[in-house]
N, C-alpha and C. Protein backbone atom coordinates (compact mmCIF):
# COMPACT_ATOMS: atom_id res chain seq x y z
N MET A 1 -33.19 -30.89 10.95
CA MET A 1 -32.94 -30.19 9.68
C MET A 1 -32.59 -31.15 8.54
N LEU A 2 -32.49 -32.44 8.85
CA LEU A 2 -32.16 -33.42 7.82
C LEU A 2 -33.30 -34.39 7.52
N PHE A 3 -34.49 -34.10 8.05
CA PHE A 3 -35.62 -35.01 7.84
C PHE A 3 -35.92 -35.22 6.36
N TYR A 4 -36.02 -34.12 5.61
CA TYR A 4 -36.38 -34.23 4.20
C TYR A 4 -35.25 -34.83 3.36
N GLU A 5 -34.01 -34.52 3.74
CA GLU A 5 -32.87 -35.11 3.04
C GLU A 5 -32.83 -36.62 3.27
N THR A 6 -33.03 -37.04 4.50
CA THR A 6 -33.03 -38.47 4.82
C THR A 6 -34.18 -39.19 4.13
N GLN A 7 -35.33 -38.56 4.10
CA GLN A 7 -36.51 -39.12 3.43
C GLN A 7 -36.22 -39.35 1.95
N ALA A 8 -35.57 -38.37 1.33
CA ALA A 8 -35.24 -38.49 -0.10
C ALA A 8 -34.21 -39.60 -0.33
N GLN A 9 -33.22 -39.68 0.54
CA GLN A 9 -32.20 -40.72 0.41
C GLN A 9 -32.82 -42.11 0.58
N ASP A 10 -33.76 -42.23 1.48
CA ASP A 10 -34.42 -43.52 1.71
C ASP A 10 -35.21 -43.97 0.48
N LYS A 11 -35.59 -43.01 -0.36
CA LYS A 11 -36.31 -43.33 -1.59
C LYS A 11 -35.35 -43.60 -2.75
N GLY A 12 -34.04 -43.56 -2.47
CA GLY A 12 -33.05 -43.83 -3.50
C GLY A 12 -32.63 -42.62 -4.31
N LEU A 13 -33.03 -41.43 -3.88
CA LEU A 13 -32.66 -40.20 -4.58
C LEU A 13 -31.25 -39.78 -4.15
N ARG A 14 -30.38 -39.61 -5.12
CA ARG A 14 -28.96 -39.35 -4.82
C ARG A 14 -28.60 -37.87 -4.84
N PHE A 15 -29.37 -37.08 -5.59
CA PHE A 15 -29.01 -35.68 -5.76
C PHE A 15 -30.13 -34.80 -5.21
N ILE A 16 -29.86 -34.21 -4.05
CA ILE A 16 -30.86 -33.43 -3.33
C ILE A 16 -30.46 -31.96 -3.40
N LEU A 17 -31.28 -31.17 -4.06
CA LEU A 17 -30.98 -29.75 -4.25
C LEU A 17 -31.95 -28.91 -3.41
N GLY A 18 -31.41 -28.12 -2.51
CA GLY A 18 -32.23 -27.16 -1.78
C GLY A 18 -32.31 -25.86 -2.55
N LEU A 19 -33.50 -25.30 -2.70
CA LEU A 19 -33.71 -24.06 -3.45
C LEU A 19 -34.40 -23.01 -2.59
N ASP A 20 -33.88 -21.80 -2.66
CA ASP A 20 -34.52 -20.68 -1.98
C ASP A 20 -34.12 -19.40 -2.69
N GLU A 21 -34.85 -18.33 -2.39
CA GLU A 21 -34.56 -17.04 -3.02
C GLU A 21 -34.44 -15.94 -1.97
N ALA A 22 -33.85 -14.84 -2.39
CA ALA A 22 -33.77 -13.64 -1.56
C ALA A 22 -34.17 -12.46 -2.42
N GLY A 23 -35.02 -11.60 -1.85
CA GLY A 23 -35.35 -10.38 -2.56
C GLY A 23 -36.72 -10.32 -3.19
N ARG A 24 -37.72 -11.00 -2.61
CA ARG A 24 -39.07 -10.88 -3.15
C ARG A 24 -39.73 -9.57 -2.72
N GLY A 25 -39.40 -9.11 -1.52
CA GLY A 25 -40.08 -7.94 -0.97
C GLY A 25 -39.50 -6.57 -1.28
N PRO A 26 -38.23 -6.46 -1.65
CA PRO A 26 -37.63 -5.14 -1.85
C PRO A 26 -38.26 -4.34 -2.99
N LEU A 27 -38.05 -3.03 -2.95
CA LEU A 27 -38.53 -2.13 -3.99
C LEU A 27 -37.49 -1.95 -5.09
N ALA A 28 -36.30 -2.50 -4.87
CA ALA A 28 -35.21 -2.29 -5.83
C ALA A 28 -34.31 -3.51 -5.91
N GLY A 29 -33.66 -3.63 -7.05
CA GLY A 29 -32.68 -4.69 -7.22
C GLY A 29 -33.29 -6.00 -7.71
N PRO A 30 -32.43 -6.96 -8.01
CA PRO A 30 -32.90 -8.24 -8.55
C PRO A 30 -33.42 -9.17 -7.47
N VAL A 31 -34.09 -10.23 -7.89
CA VAL A 31 -34.36 -11.35 -7.01
C VAL A 31 -33.29 -12.39 -7.32
N VAL A 32 -32.70 -12.94 -6.28
CA VAL A 32 -31.59 -13.89 -6.43
C VAL A 32 -31.99 -15.22 -5.79
N ALA A 33 -31.77 -16.30 -6.52
CA ALA A 33 -32.05 -17.63 -6.00
C ALA A 33 -30.77 -18.43 -5.95
N ALA A 34 -30.74 -19.38 -5.03
CA ALA A 34 -29.59 -20.28 -4.93
C ALA A 34 -30.09 -21.72 -4.88
N ALA A 35 -29.33 -22.60 -5.50
CA ALA A 35 -29.54 -24.04 -5.39
C ALA A 35 -28.30 -24.62 -4.74
N VAL A 36 -28.49 -25.49 -3.77
CA VAL A 36 -27.37 -26.06 -3.02
C VAL A 36 -27.55 -27.58 -2.92
N ALA A 37 -26.53 -28.31 -3.35
CA ALA A 37 -26.48 -29.76 -3.18
C ALA A 37 -25.30 -30.07 -2.27
N LEU A 38 -25.60 -30.46 -1.05
CA LEU A 38 -24.57 -30.66 -0.04
C LEU A 38 -23.77 -31.92 -0.31
N ARG A 39 -22.44 -31.79 -0.23
CA ARG A 39 -21.56 -32.96 -0.30
C ARG A 39 -21.29 -33.49 1.09
N GLN A 40 -21.45 -32.62 2.09
CA GLN A 40 -21.29 -32.99 3.50
C GLN A 40 -22.43 -32.37 4.28
N PHE A 41 -22.85 -33.07 5.34
CA PHE A 41 -23.95 -32.56 6.16
C PHE A 41 -23.47 -32.02 7.52
N ASP A 42 -22.20 -32.15 7.81
CA ASP A 42 -21.69 -31.67 9.10
C ASP A 42 -21.06 -30.30 8.91
N PHE A 43 -21.47 -29.36 9.76
CA PHE A 43 -20.97 -27.99 9.69
C PHE A 43 -20.43 -27.55 11.04
N LYS A 44 -19.33 -26.84 11.00
CA LYS A 44 -18.78 -26.26 12.22
C LYS A 44 -19.56 -25.02 12.64
N CYS A 45 -20.02 -24.26 11.65
CA CYS A 45 -20.76 -23.04 11.95
C CYS A 45 -22.25 -23.33 12.08
N SER A 46 -22.98 -22.37 12.58
CA SER A 46 -24.42 -22.51 12.73
C SER A 46 -25.10 -22.28 11.39
N ILE A 47 -26.02 -23.19 11.02
CA ILE A 47 -26.80 -23.05 9.80
C ILE A 47 -28.27 -22.93 10.18
N ASN A 48 -28.91 -21.88 9.66
CA ASN A 48 -30.32 -21.65 9.99
C ASN A 48 -30.95 -20.85 8.86
N ASP A 49 -32.22 -20.59 8.97
CA ASP A 49 -32.89 -19.66 8.07
C ASP A 49 -32.08 -18.36 8.08
N SER A 50 -31.69 -17.88 6.91
CA SER A 50 -30.80 -16.72 6.83
C SER A 50 -31.37 -15.50 7.54
N LYS A 51 -32.71 -15.39 7.57
CA LYS A 51 -33.34 -14.23 8.22
C LYS A 51 -33.14 -14.25 9.72
N GLN A 52 -32.82 -15.41 10.29
CA GLN A 52 -32.61 -15.54 11.73
C GLN A 52 -31.14 -15.40 12.12
N MET A 53 -30.28 -15.11 11.16
CA MET A 53 -28.84 -15.04 11.40
C MET A 53 -28.34 -13.61 11.25
N THR A 54 -27.26 -13.30 11.94
CA THR A 54 -26.63 -11.99 11.78
C THR A 54 -25.85 -11.98 10.46
N GLN A 55 -25.51 -10.79 10.02
CA GLN A 55 -24.74 -10.67 8.78
C GLN A 55 -23.41 -11.42 8.89
N ARG A 56 -22.74 -11.26 10.02
CA ARG A 56 -21.45 -11.94 10.21
C ARG A 56 -21.62 -13.46 10.18
N ALA A 57 -22.66 -13.96 10.84
CA ALA A 57 -22.90 -15.41 10.86
C ALA A 57 -23.19 -15.92 9.46
N ARG A 58 -23.92 -15.13 8.68
CA ARG A 58 -24.21 -15.54 7.29
C ARG A 58 -22.94 -15.60 6.45
N GLU A 59 -22.08 -14.61 6.63
CA GLU A 59 -20.84 -14.57 5.86
C GLU A 59 -19.95 -15.78 6.19
N ILE A 60 -19.86 -16.13 7.47
CA ILE A 60 -19.07 -17.29 7.89
C ILE A 60 -19.67 -18.57 7.30
N ALA A 61 -20.99 -18.68 7.38
CA ALA A 61 -21.67 -19.86 6.84
C ALA A 61 -21.51 -19.94 5.32
N PHE A 62 -21.57 -18.79 4.66
CA PHE A 62 -21.41 -18.74 3.20
C PHE A 62 -20.10 -19.41 2.78
N LEU A 63 -19.03 -19.11 3.49
CA LEU A 63 -17.72 -19.67 3.15
C LEU A 63 -17.70 -21.18 3.35
N GLU A 64 -18.26 -21.66 4.47
CA GLU A 64 -18.24 -23.10 4.73
C GLU A 64 -19.14 -23.85 3.76
N ILE A 65 -20.30 -23.29 3.46
CA ILE A 65 -21.20 -23.93 2.49
C ILE A 65 -20.52 -24.04 1.14
N SER A 66 -19.81 -22.99 0.75
CA SER A 66 -19.12 -22.99 -0.54
C SER A 66 -18.08 -24.10 -0.63
N GLN A 67 -17.53 -24.49 0.51
CA GLN A 67 -16.52 -25.55 0.54
C GLN A 67 -17.14 -26.94 0.57
N LYS A 68 -18.41 -27.04 0.96
CA LYS A 68 -19.01 -28.36 1.21
C LYS A 68 -20.21 -28.66 0.32
N ALA A 69 -20.40 -27.88 -0.74
CA ALA A 69 -21.59 -28.09 -1.56
C ALA A 69 -21.34 -27.67 -3.01
N TYR A 70 -22.15 -28.23 -3.89
CA TYR A 70 -22.28 -27.68 -5.24
C TYR A 70 -23.30 -26.57 -5.15
N ILE A 71 -23.05 -25.46 -5.85
CA ILE A 71 -23.91 -24.28 -5.74
C ILE A 71 -24.24 -23.74 -7.13
N GLY A 72 -25.48 -23.33 -7.29
CA GLY A 72 -25.90 -22.63 -8.50
C GLY A 72 -26.63 -21.36 -8.12
N ILE A 73 -26.44 -20.30 -8.91
CA ILE A 73 -27.09 -19.01 -8.66
C ILE A 73 -27.96 -18.64 -9.85
N GLY A 74 -29.15 -18.14 -9.56
CA GLY A 74 -30.03 -17.60 -10.59
C GLY A 74 -30.47 -16.20 -10.20
N MET A 75 -30.53 -15.31 -11.17
CA MET A 75 -30.86 -13.92 -10.85
C MET A 75 -31.78 -13.35 -11.93
N ILE A 76 -32.83 -12.68 -11.51
CA ILE A 76 -33.76 -12.03 -12.42
C ILE A 76 -33.77 -10.53 -12.09
N SER A 77 -33.55 -9.71 -13.08
CA SER A 77 -33.41 -8.27 -12.88
C SER A 77 -34.72 -7.60 -12.52
N GLU A 78 -34.59 -6.40 -12.01
CA GLU A 78 -35.78 -5.62 -11.65
C GLU A 78 -36.66 -5.35 -12.87
N LYS A 79 -36.07 -5.17 -14.04
CA LYS A 79 -36.87 -4.92 -15.25
C LYS A 79 -37.67 -6.16 -15.63
N ALA A 80 -37.06 -7.32 -15.49
CA ALA A 80 -37.77 -8.57 -15.78
C ALA A 80 -38.86 -8.81 -14.74
N ILE A 81 -38.59 -8.46 -13.49
CA ILE A 81 -39.61 -8.59 -12.44
C ILE A 81 -40.84 -7.76 -12.80
N ASP A 82 -40.61 -6.54 -13.29
CA ASP A 82 -41.73 -5.68 -13.69
C ASP A 82 -42.52 -6.29 -14.84
N THR A 83 -41.88 -7.10 -15.65
CA THR A 83 -42.53 -7.70 -16.82
C THR A 83 -43.31 -8.96 -16.46
N VAL A 84 -42.71 -9.84 -15.66
CA VAL A 84 -43.33 -11.16 -15.43
C VAL A 84 -43.97 -11.30 -14.06
N ASN A 85 -43.78 -10.36 -13.17
CA ASN A 85 -44.22 -10.29 -11.76
C ASN A 85 -43.24 -11.05 -10.87
N ILE A 86 -43.25 -10.72 -9.60
CA ILE A 86 -42.23 -11.21 -8.68
C ILE A 86 -42.34 -12.71 -8.41
N LEU A 87 -43.55 -13.26 -8.39
CA LEU A 87 -43.68 -14.70 -8.14
C LEU A 87 -43.06 -15.50 -9.29
N ASN A 88 -43.41 -15.14 -10.52
CA ASN A 88 -42.84 -15.84 -11.66
C ASN A 88 -41.33 -15.62 -11.74
N ALA A 89 -40.90 -14.40 -11.41
CA ALA A 89 -39.46 -14.12 -11.43
C ALA A 89 -38.71 -14.98 -10.41
N SER A 90 -39.32 -15.18 -9.24
CA SER A 90 -38.69 -16.01 -8.22
C SER A 90 -38.56 -17.45 -8.69
N HIS A 91 -39.61 -17.97 -9.33
CA HIS A 91 -39.56 -19.34 -9.85
C HIS A 91 -38.52 -19.47 -10.96
N LEU A 92 -38.46 -18.47 -11.83
CA LEU A 92 -37.47 -18.49 -12.91
C LEU A 92 -36.05 -18.46 -12.35
N ALA A 93 -35.84 -17.64 -11.32
CA ALA A 93 -34.51 -17.55 -10.71
C ALA A 93 -34.11 -18.88 -10.09
N MET A 94 -35.06 -19.56 -9.43
CA MET A 94 -34.75 -20.86 -8.83
C MET A 94 -34.48 -21.91 -9.90
N GLU A 95 -35.22 -21.85 -10.99
CA GLU A 95 -34.97 -22.78 -12.09
C GLU A 95 -33.58 -22.55 -12.68
N MET A 96 -33.20 -21.28 -12.86
CA MET A 96 -31.87 -20.95 -13.35
C MET A 96 -30.79 -21.46 -12.40
N ALA A 97 -31.03 -21.30 -11.10
CA ALA A 97 -30.06 -21.75 -10.10
C ALA A 97 -29.86 -23.26 -10.16
N ALA A 98 -30.97 -23.99 -10.30
CA ALA A 98 -30.89 -25.44 -10.38
C ALA A 98 -30.11 -25.87 -11.63
N LYS A 99 -30.39 -25.23 -12.75
CA LYS A 99 -29.68 -25.55 -14.00
C LYS A 99 -28.19 -25.27 -13.85
N GLU A 100 -27.86 -24.15 -13.22
CA GLU A 100 -26.45 -23.80 -13.04
C GLU A 100 -25.75 -24.82 -12.15
N LEU A 101 -26.42 -25.27 -11.10
CA LEU A 101 -25.82 -26.28 -10.24
C LEU A 101 -25.60 -27.58 -11.01
N ILE A 102 -26.59 -28.02 -11.77
CA ILE A 102 -26.46 -29.25 -12.54
C ILE A 102 -25.28 -29.17 -13.49
N ARG A 103 -25.06 -28.00 -14.08
CA ARG A 103 -23.91 -27.82 -14.99
C ARG A 103 -22.58 -27.98 -14.26
N ARG A 104 -22.58 -27.76 -12.96
CA ARG A 104 -21.35 -27.85 -12.18
C ARG A 104 -21.04 -29.27 -11.70
N LEU A 105 -22.00 -30.17 -11.83
CA LEU A 105 -21.77 -31.55 -11.43
C LEU A 105 -20.84 -32.24 -12.42
N PRO A 106 -20.14 -33.29 -12.00
CA PRO A 106 -19.27 -34.03 -12.93
C PRO A 106 -20.05 -34.51 -14.15
N LYS A 107 -19.45 -34.37 -15.33
CA LYS A 107 -20.15 -34.70 -16.58
C LYS A 107 -20.60 -36.15 -16.62
N GLU A 108 -19.76 -37.05 -16.06
CA GLU A 108 -20.13 -38.46 -16.09
C GLU A 108 -21.36 -38.73 -15.23
N THR A 109 -21.58 -37.89 -14.21
CA THR A 109 -22.75 -38.03 -13.35
C THR A 109 -24.01 -37.58 -14.06
N VAL A 110 -23.96 -36.39 -14.65
CA VAL A 110 -25.13 -35.83 -15.33
C VAL A 110 -25.48 -36.65 -16.57
N GLY A 111 -24.48 -37.24 -17.19
CA GLY A 111 -24.72 -38.01 -18.41
C GLY A 111 -25.29 -39.39 -18.18
N HIS A 112 -25.38 -39.82 -16.94
CA HIS A 112 -25.91 -41.15 -16.64
C HIS A 112 -27.38 -41.22 -17.01
N GLN A 113 -27.81 -42.33 -17.58
CA GLN A 113 -29.17 -42.43 -18.10
C GLN A 113 -30.25 -42.30 -17.02
N ASP A 114 -29.92 -42.63 -15.77
CA ASP A 114 -30.91 -42.54 -14.69
C ASP A 114 -30.81 -41.24 -13.91
N PHE A 115 -30.00 -40.31 -14.37
CA PHE A 115 -29.74 -39.11 -13.57
C PHE A 115 -31.02 -38.35 -13.22
N ASN A 116 -31.85 -38.06 -14.21
CA ASN A 116 -33.06 -37.24 -13.97
C ASN A 116 -33.97 -37.83 -12.91
N THR A 117 -34.01 -39.15 -12.82
CA THR A 117 -34.90 -39.80 -11.85
C THR A 117 -34.29 -39.86 -10.46
N GLN A 118 -33.02 -39.46 -10.33
CA GLN A 118 -32.35 -39.50 -9.04
C GLN A 118 -32.18 -38.13 -8.41
N VAL A 119 -32.85 -37.13 -9.02
CA VAL A 119 -32.76 -35.75 -8.54
C VAL A 119 -34.09 -35.35 -7.90
N ILE A 120 -33.99 -34.65 -6.78
CA ILE A 120 -35.17 -34.01 -6.19
C ILE A 120 -34.81 -32.59 -5.77
N LEU A 121 -35.73 -31.68 -6.02
CA LEU A 121 -35.57 -30.30 -5.60
C LEU A 121 -36.42 -30.07 -4.36
N LEU A 122 -35.79 -29.62 -3.29
CA LEU A 122 -36.51 -29.21 -2.08
C LEU A 122 -36.66 -27.70 -2.14
N VAL A 123 -37.88 -27.23 -2.30
CA VAL A 123 -38.13 -25.82 -2.59
C VAL A 123 -38.82 -25.13 -1.42
N ASP A 124 -38.28 -24.01 -1.00
CA ASP A 124 -38.92 -23.25 0.07
C ASP A 124 -40.19 -22.60 -0.46
N GLY A 125 -41.31 -22.78 0.25
CA GLY A 125 -42.56 -22.16 -0.16
C GLY A 125 -43.66 -23.19 -0.36
N ASN A 126 -44.80 -22.72 -0.83
CA ASN A 126 -45.95 -23.61 -1.01
C ASN A 126 -46.31 -23.83 -2.47
N ILE A 127 -45.56 -23.20 -3.38
CA ILE A 127 -45.85 -23.36 -4.80
C ILE A 127 -44.56 -23.20 -5.59
N PHE A 128 -44.44 -23.97 -6.65
CA PHE A 128 -43.27 -23.88 -7.53
C PHE A 128 -43.69 -24.29 -8.93
N ARG A 129 -43.39 -23.44 -9.89
CA ARG A 129 -43.66 -23.76 -11.29
C ARG A 129 -42.32 -23.86 -12.01
N SER A 130 -42.15 -24.92 -12.77
CA SER A 130 -40.86 -25.14 -13.40
C SER A 130 -41.00 -26.01 -14.64
N GLN A 131 -40.11 -25.79 -15.60
CA GLN A 131 -40.03 -26.63 -16.80
C GLN A 131 -38.98 -27.72 -16.63
N LEU A 132 -38.36 -27.78 -15.47
CA LEU A 132 -37.32 -28.78 -15.23
C LEU A 132 -37.91 -30.19 -15.20
N ALA A 133 -37.06 -31.14 -15.55
CA ALA A 133 -37.52 -32.53 -15.65
C ALA A 133 -37.41 -33.29 -14.34
N TYR A 134 -37.11 -32.58 -13.25
CA TYR A 134 -36.88 -33.24 -11.97
C TYR A 134 -38.10 -33.14 -11.06
N GLN A 135 -38.26 -34.14 -10.20
CA GLN A 135 -39.33 -34.04 -9.22
C GLN A 135 -38.95 -33.00 -8.15
N TYR A 136 -39.96 -32.44 -7.52
CA TYR A 136 -39.68 -31.44 -6.49
C TYR A 136 -40.69 -31.57 -5.36
N LYS A 137 -40.31 -31.01 -4.23
CA LYS A 137 -41.18 -30.97 -3.05
C LYS A 137 -41.14 -29.56 -2.48
N THR A 138 -42.30 -28.92 -2.36
CA THR A 138 -42.35 -27.60 -1.74
C THR A 138 -42.53 -27.77 -0.24
N ILE A 139 -41.84 -26.93 0.53
CA ILE A 139 -41.87 -27.01 1.99
C ILE A 139 -42.09 -25.61 2.55
N VAL A 140 -43.23 -25.38 3.14
CA VAL A 140 -43.51 -24.07 3.75
C VAL A 140 -42.57 -23.89 4.94
N GLY A 141 -41.87 -22.77 4.98
CA GLY A 141 -40.89 -22.54 6.04
C GLY A 141 -39.70 -23.47 5.92
N GLY A 142 -39.41 -23.88 4.69
CA GLY A 142 -38.35 -24.85 4.46
C GLY A 142 -36.97 -24.40 4.88
N ASP A 143 -36.75 -23.08 4.88
CA ASP A 143 -35.43 -22.59 5.28
C ASP A 143 -35.16 -22.79 6.76
N GLY A 144 -36.19 -23.18 7.52
CA GLY A 144 -35.99 -23.51 8.93
C GLY A 144 -36.19 -24.99 9.21
N LYS A 145 -36.46 -25.78 8.15
CA LYS A 145 -36.76 -27.20 8.33
C LYS A 145 -35.81 -28.12 7.58
N SER A 146 -35.16 -27.61 6.56
CA SER A 146 -34.27 -28.42 5.73
C SER A 146 -32.89 -27.78 5.67
N LEU A 147 -31.86 -28.56 5.94
CA LEU A 147 -30.50 -28.03 5.91
C LEU A 147 -30.14 -27.54 4.52
N SER A 148 -30.55 -28.27 3.49
CA SER A 148 -30.23 -27.88 2.12
C SER A 148 -30.87 -26.55 1.76
N ILE A 149 -32.14 -26.37 2.15
CA ILE A 149 -32.82 -25.11 1.86
C ILE A 149 -32.24 -23.97 2.69
N ALA A 150 -31.92 -24.24 3.95
CA ALA A 150 -31.31 -23.21 4.81
C ALA A 150 -30.00 -22.72 4.19
N CYS A 151 -29.20 -23.66 3.68
CA CYS A 151 -27.94 -23.28 3.03
C CYS A 151 -28.20 -22.45 1.79
N ALA A 152 -29.24 -22.82 1.02
CA ALA A 152 -29.58 -22.04 -0.16
C ALA A 152 -30.03 -20.64 0.23
N SER A 153 -30.77 -20.52 1.33
CA SER A 153 -31.23 -19.20 1.76
C SER A 153 -30.06 -18.31 2.15
N ILE A 154 -29.04 -18.90 2.76
CA ILE A 154 -27.85 -18.13 3.16
C ILE A 154 -27.08 -17.68 1.92
N ILE A 155 -26.87 -18.60 0.99
CA ILE A 155 -26.13 -18.25 -0.23
C ILE A 155 -26.85 -17.15 -0.99
N ALA A 156 -28.16 -17.28 -1.16
CA ALA A 156 -28.92 -16.28 -1.92
C ALA A 156 -28.89 -14.93 -1.22
N LYS A 157 -29.06 -14.92 0.10
CA LYS A 157 -29.08 -13.67 0.86
C LYS A 157 -27.74 -12.95 0.80
N VAL A 158 -26.65 -13.67 1.04
CA VAL A 158 -25.33 -13.04 1.02
C VAL A 158 -25.01 -12.53 -0.38
N TYR A 159 -25.31 -13.33 -1.38
CA TYR A 159 -25.03 -12.95 -2.77
C TYR A 159 -25.79 -11.68 -3.14
N ARG A 160 -27.08 -11.64 -2.78
CA ARG A 160 -27.87 -10.45 -3.12
C ARG A 160 -27.43 -9.22 -2.32
N ASP A 161 -27.13 -9.41 -1.04
CA ASP A 161 -26.68 -8.28 -0.22
C ASP A 161 -25.42 -7.65 -0.81
N ARG A 162 -24.53 -8.47 -1.33
CA ARG A 162 -23.30 -7.95 -1.94
C ARG A 162 -23.61 -7.12 -3.18
N ILE A 163 -24.60 -7.56 -3.94
CA ILE A 163 -25.01 -6.80 -5.13
C ILE A 163 -25.54 -5.43 -4.72
N LEU A 164 -26.39 -5.40 -3.70
CA LEU A 164 -26.97 -4.12 -3.26
C LEU A 164 -25.91 -3.20 -2.66
N CYS A 165 -24.91 -3.78 -2.01
CA CYS A 165 -23.82 -2.95 -1.49
C CYS A 165 -23.02 -2.34 -2.63
N ALA A 166 -22.89 -3.08 -3.73
CA ALA A 166 -22.21 -2.53 -4.91
C ALA A 166 -23.05 -1.41 -5.53
N TYR A 167 -24.37 -1.60 -5.59
CA TYR A 167 -25.25 -0.56 -6.11
C TYR A 167 -25.22 0.69 -5.22
N ASP A 168 -24.96 0.51 -3.94
CA ASP A 168 -24.90 1.65 -3.03
C ASP A 168 -23.81 2.63 -3.43
N LYS A 169 -22.74 2.12 -4.04
CA LYS A 169 -21.65 2.99 -4.49
C LYS A 169 -22.05 3.79 -5.72
N ILE A 170 -22.98 3.24 -6.50
CA ILE A 170 -23.45 3.93 -7.70
C ILE A 170 -24.56 4.91 -7.36
N TYR A 171 -25.43 4.51 -6.43
CA TYR A 171 -26.57 5.35 -6.03
C TYR A 171 -26.54 5.57 -4.51
N PRO A 172 -25.56 6.31 -4.00
CA PRO A 172 -25.39 6.45 -2.55
C PRO A 172 -26.53 7.16 -1.85
N GLN A 173 -27.33 7.90 -2.60
CA GLN A 173 -28.39 8.69 -1.98
C GLN A 173 -29.55 7.84 -1.45
N TYR A 174 -29.60 6.56 -1.81
CA TYR A 174 -30.73 5.72 -1.40
C TYR A 174 -30.44 4.85 -0.16
N GLY A 175 -29.19 4.66 0.17
CA GLY A 175 -28.86 3.85 1.35
C GLY A 175 -28.99 2.35 1.14
N PHE A 176 -28.76 1.88 -0.08
CA PHE A 176 -28.94 0.46 -0.38
C PHE A 176 -28.09 -0.47 0.48
N ALA A 177 -26.91 -0.01 0.90
CA ALA A 177 -26.04 -0.86 1.72
C ALA A 177 -26.67 -1.15 3.08
N ARG A 178 -27.57 -0.27 3.53
CA ARG A 178 -28.20 -0.46 4.84
C ARG A 178 -29.48 -1.29 4.74
N HIS A 179 -30.36 -0.94 3.82
CA HIS A 179 -31.67 -1.62 3.79
C HIS A 179 -31.81 -2.65 2.67
N LYS A 180 -30.81 -2.72 1.78
CA LYS A 180 -30.79 -3.73 0.70
C LYS A 180 -32.01 -3.64 -0.22
N GLY A 181 -32.58 -2.46 -0.30
CA GLY A 181 -33.71 -2.26 -1.21
C GLY A 181 -35.07 -2.50 -0.60
N TYR A 182 -35.12 -2.95 0.65
CA TYR A 182 -36.41 -3.22 1.29
C TYR A 182 -37.13 -1.90 1.60
N PRO A 183 -38.44 -1.94 1.75
CA PRO A 183 -39.23 -0.71 1.89
C PRO A 183 -39.20 -0.11 3.29
N THR A 184 -38.03 0.23 3.76
CA THR A 184 -37.90 0.91 5.06
C THR A 184 -38.34 2.36 4.92
N GLN A 185 -38.53 3.01 6.04
CA GLN A 185 -38.90 4.42 5.99
C GLN A 185 -37.79 5.24 5.32
N GLU A 186 -36.54 4.91 5.64
CA GLU A 186 -35.40 5.61 5.02
C GLU A 186 -35.45 5.49 3.51
N HIS A 187 -35.75 4.30 3.04
CA HIS A 187 -35.77 4.07 1.59
C HIS A 187 -36.94 4.81 0.94
N ARG A 188 -38.10 4.76 1.55
CA ARG A 188 -39.27 5.43 0.98
C ARG A 188 -39.06 6.95 0.92
N LEU A 189 -38.45 7.50 1.96
CA LEU A 189 -38.17 8.94 1.98
C LEU A 189 -37.15 9.31 0.90
N ALA A 190 -36.19 8.44 0.68
CA ALA A 190 -35.19 8.70 -0.36
C ALA A 190 -35.83 8.69 -1.75
N ILE A 191 -36.78 7.78 -1.97
CA ILE A 191 -37.49 7.75 -3.25
C ILE A 191 -38.31 9.02 -3.43
N GLN A 192 -38.97 9.47 -2.35
CA GLN A 192 -39.75 10.70 -2.43
C GLN A 192 -38.87 11.90 -2.76
N LYS A 193 -37.67 11.90 -2.23
CA LYS A 193 -36.76 13.03 -2.43
C LYS A 193 -36.07 12.99 -3.78
N HIS A 194 -35.59 11.81 -4.18
CA HIS A 194 -34.75 11.70 -5.37
C HIS A 194 -35.44 11.06 -6.57
N GLY A 195 -36.64 10.50 -6.35
CA GLY A 195 -37.29 9.77 -7.42
C GLY A 195 -36.68 8.37 -7.55
N ALA A 196 -37.24 7.58 -8.44
CA ALA A 196 -36.75 6.22 -8.64
C ALA A 196 -35.48 6.23 -9.49
N CYS A 197 -34.59 5.28 -9.22
CA CYS A 197 -33.37 5.14 -10.03
C CYS A 197 -33.51 3.92 -10.93
N ALA A 198 -32.46 3.59 -11.64
CA ALA A 198 -32.52 2.54 -12.66
C ALA A 198 -32.82 1.16 -12.09
N ILE A 199 -32.51 0.91 -10.82
CA ILE A 199 -32.72 -0.44 -10.30
C ILE A 199 -34.02 -0.57 -9.49
N HIS A 200 -34.83 0.45 -9.47
CA HIS A 200 -36.11 0.35 -8.77
C HIS A 200 -37.12 -0.43 -9.60
N ARG A 201 -37.99 -1.16 -8.89
CA ARG A 201 -39.03 -1.97 -9.53
C ARG A 201 -40.26 -1.08 -9.73
N ARG A 202 -40.49 -0.69 -10.96
CA ARG A 202 -41.58 0.25 -11.26
C ARG A 202 -42.96 -0.30 -10.95
N SER A 203 -43.11 -1.62 -10.94
CA SER A 203 -44.42 -2.23 -10.71
C SER A 203 -44.77 -2.34 -9.23
N PHE A 204 -43.85 -1.99 -8.34
CA PHE A 204 -44.09 -2.11 -6.91
C PHE A 204 -44.68 -0.81 -6.36
N ALA A 205 -45.67 -0.96 -5.49
CA ALA A 205 -46.30 0.22 -4.88
C ALA A 205 -45.27 1.00 -4.05
N GLY A 206 -45.30 2.30 -4.19
CA GLY A 206 -44.39 3.15 -3.43
C GLY A 206 -43.16 3.57 -4.21
N VAL A 207 -42.98 3.04 -5.42
CA VAL A 207 -41.81 3.41 -6.22
C VAL A 207 -42.13 4.61 -7.10
N LEU A 208 -43.28 4.60 -7.75
CA LEU A 208 -43.66 5.73 -8.62
C LEU A 208 -44.83 6.50 -8.02
């Protein structure tokens, strides 16, 4: 899980940011991205692709990652997703997350004249579009191959799940706390019965 991090370090890159998102497939809610720059690589808890972990394991990992990394969060709303499409929204969310993380780094570090050339983004997936000035590497299945990306996948998943659980209190008839907006049979039947609510993605099939 440290192959890509070690490769980057061997090239003299000092700031390695893992990027991943949660929420590309759901019919409702935002897409949330996380950027993670690890200060330590040793973890007591298990770190893996968030989809392969239980909710409890993700929550435990979330706490330890928060203690051992710089973290940035980016979020694009369902209305913006309908406007720019989910792929572009995912890239925008990851770009926002990276910017937020950079803002959290010590000012003397970011202000160094060579800073931009010492940053690399490790991005889960096969394509990434960004206006950022940093080099990046896309990694298919990166959340199972890179520790930094796996940590980002956990942070993004837990963060988004908490948002959907909060929405469940506002719209209890849809069951968001259970399916987190994904197109389960329960969710589709709820849409058929109650219609779409304010956080549904109108551009997604099955919502309208």
